[in-house]
Amino acid sequence: MHLEVDAIIRRRNGEWIAVEIKLGGRAAVEAAAASLTKLRDDRIDPAKVGAPRRLVVVTATGFAYERTDGVAVVPITALGP
């Protein structure tokens, strides 16, 4: 499986989130969520960097929701004013 993460956003206190941006449909969201959960489960050492505060897939449209695997799916329109 290919691992892709578009952005890591880290706060000064060390908390961080991983973000994947997908403008496609359901298959793209599934692939992005799989990549983010692989990062969380297989590629990071929480003892060194802490667990991610949130895993986020940003989409072009739709509603915001949290998947059963903990990945938040958020339309880009929910991020702005």
C-alpha atoms as a PDB file:
ATOM      1  CA  MET A   1       0.000   0.000   0.000  1.00  0.00           C
ATOM      2  CA  HIS A   2       1.168   3.475  -0.901  1.00  0.00           C
ATOM      3  CA  LEU A   3       1.474   5.867   2.056  1.00  0.00           C
ATOM      4  CA  GLU A   4       0.521   9.462   1.320  1.00  0.00           C
ATOM      5  CA  VAL A   5      -0.074  12.369   3.684  1.00  0.00           C
ATOM      6  CA  ASP A   6      -0.473  15.895   2.336  1.00  0.00           C
ATOM      7  CA  ALA A   7       0.218  17.797   5.547  1.00  0.00           C
ATOM      8  CA  ILE A   8       1.242  17.390   9.141  1.00  0.00           C
ATOM      9  CA  ILE A   9       0.123  20.322  11.273  1.00  0.00           C
ATOM     10  CA  ARG A  10       1.888  20.579  14.623  1.00  0.00           C
ATOM     11  CA  ARG A  11       1.105  22.887  17.507  1.00  0.00           C
ATOM     12  CA  ARG A  12       3.750  24.350  19.782  1.00  0.00           C
ATOM     13  CA  ASN A  13       2.670  22.011  22.570  1.00  0.00           C
ATOM     14  CA  GLY A  14       3.534  18.999  20.374  1.00  0.00           C
ATOM     15  CA  GLU A  15      -0.001  17.967  19.426  1.00  0.00           C
ATOM     16  CA  TRP A  16      -0.343  17.187  15.742  1.00  0.00           C
ATOM     17  CA  ILE A  17      -2.804  16.170  13.054  1.00  0.00           C
ATOM     18  CA  ALA A  18      -2.299  14.476   9.692  1.00  0.00           C
ATOM     19  CA  VAL A  19      -4.270  15.727   6.679  1.00  0.00           C
ATOM     20  CA  GLU A  20      -5.031  14.207   3.285  1.00  0.00           C
ATOM     21  CA  ILE A  21      -6.808  16.322   0.659  1.00  0.00           C
ATOM     22  CA  LYS A  22      -9.017  14.406  -1.766  1.00  0.00           C
ATOM     23  CA  LEU A  23     -11.351  16.094  -4.206  1.00  0.00           C
ATOM     24  CA  GLY A  24     -12.666  12.818  -5.642  1.00  0.00           C
ATOM     25  CA  GLY A  25     -15.497  10.609  -4.442  1.00  0.00           C
ATOM     26  CA  ARG A  26     -15.897   7.712  -2.047  1.00  0.00           C
ATOM     27  CA  ALA A  27     -12.979   5.633  -3.395  1.00  0.00           C
ATOM     28  CA  ALA A  28     -10.598   8.566  -2.931  1.00  0.00           C
ATOM     29  CA  VAL A  29     -11.805   9.094   0.646  1.00  0.00           C
ATOM     30  CA  GLU A  30     -11.361   5.371   1.384  1.00  0.00           C
ATOM     31  CA  ALA A  31      -7.801   5.423   0.025  1.00  0.00           C
ATOM     32  CA  ALA A  32      -6.949   8.562   1.990  1.00  0.00           C
ATOM     33  CA  ALA A  33      -8.362   7.121   5.216  1.00  0.00           C
ATOM     34  CA  ALA A  34      -6.400   3.902   4.686  1.00  0.00           C
ATOM     35  CA  SER A  35      -3.204   5.897   4.206  1.00  0.00           C
ATOM     36  CA  LEU A  36      -3.807   7.944   7.349  1.00  0.00           C
ATOM     37  CA  THR A  37      -4.618   4.918   9.514  1.00  0.00           C
ATOM     38  CA  LYS A  38      -1.498   3.148   8.203  1.00  0.00           C
ATOM     39  CA  LEU A  39       0.543   6.175   9.256  1.00  0.00           C
ATOM     40  CA  ARG A  40      -1.059   6.081  12.719  1.00  0.00           C
ATOM     41  CA  ASP A  41      -0.862   2.327  13.205  1.00  0.00           C
ATOM     42  CA  ASP A  42       2.393   1.341  11.477  1.00  0.00           C
ATOM     43  CA  ARG A  43       4.660   4.294  10.791  1.00  0.00           C
ATOM     44  CA  ILE A  44       4.896   6.486  13.863  1.00  0.00           C
ATOM     45  CA  ASP A  45       6.277   5.907  17.334  1.00  0.00           C
ATOM     46  CA  PRO A  46       3.790   7.504  19.757  1.00  0.00           C
ATOM     47  CA  ALA A  47       6.412   7.392  22.514  1.00  0.00           C
ATOM     48  CA  LYS A  48       8.567   9.789  20.479  1.00  0.00           C
ATOM     49  CA  VAL A  49       6.074  12.058  18.720  1.00  0.00           C
ATOM     50  CA  GLY A  50       2.783  11.354  20.487  1.00  0.00           C
ATOM     51  CA  ALA A  51      -0.318   9.949  18.888  1.00  0.00           C
ATOM     52  CA  PRO A  52      -2.014  12.140  16.290  1.00  0.00           C
ATOM     53  CA  ARG A  53      -4.711  14.322  17.787  1.00  0.00           C
ATOM     54  CA  ARG A  54      -6.784  13.799  14.651  1.00  0.00           C
ATOM     55  CA  LEU A  55      -6.577  12.221  11.198  1.00  0.00           C
ATOM     56  CA  VAL A  56      -8.447  14.322   8.619  1.00  0.00           C
ATOM     57  CA  VAL A  57      -9.516  13.841   5.012  1.00  0.00           C
ATOM     58  CA  VAL A  58     -10.506  17.155   3.427  1.00  0.00           C
ATOM     59  CA  THR A  59     -13.018  16.763   0.586  1.00  0.00           C
ATOM     60  CA  ALA A  60     -14.529  19.112  -1.986  1.00  0.00           C
ATOM     61  CA  THR A  61     -18.162  18.675  -0.961  1.00  0.00           C
ATOM     62  CA  GLY A  62     -20.469  16.854   1.412  1.00  0.00           C
ATOM     63  CA  PHE A  63     -20.979  16.797   5.143  1.00  0.00           C
ATOM     64  CA  ALA A  64     -18.442  16.464   7.945  1.00  0.00           C
ATOM     65  CA  TYR A  65     -18.452  13.175   9.827  1.00  0.00           C
ATOM     66  CA  GLU A  66     -16.174  10.863  11.772  1.00  0.00           C
ATOM     67  CA  ARG A  67     -15.632   7.352  10.477  1.00  0.00           C
ATOM     68  CA  THR A  68     -15.550   4.277  12.713  1.00  0.00           C
ATOM     69  CA  ASP A  69     -11.747   4.134  12.288  1.00  0.00           C
ATOM     70  CA  GLY A  70     -11.456   7.611  13.839  1.00  0.00           C
ATOM     71  CA  VAL A  71     -10.725   9.485  10.609  1.00  0.00           C
ATOM     72  CA  ALA A  72     -12.613  12.781  10.278  1.00  0.00           C
ATOM     73  CA  VAL A  73     -13.953  13.575   6.803  1.00  0.00           C
ATOM     74  CA  VAL A  74     -14.457  17.319   6.391  1.00  0.00           C
ATOM     75  CA  PRO A  75     -15.545  19.343   3.344  1.00  0.00           C
ATOM     76  CA  ILE A  76     -13.278  22.262   2.586  1.00  0.00           C
ATOM     77  CA  THR A  77     -16.242  24.637   2.984  1.00  0.00           C
ATOM     78  CA  ALA A  78     -16.344  23.777   6.695  1.00  0.00           C
ATOM     79  CA  LEU A  79     -12.821  25.129   7.178  1.00  0.00           C
ATOM     80  CA  GLY A  80     -13.403  28.718   6.128  1.00  0.00           C
ATOM     81  CA  PRO A  81     -15.533  31.646   7.208  1.00  0.00           C
END
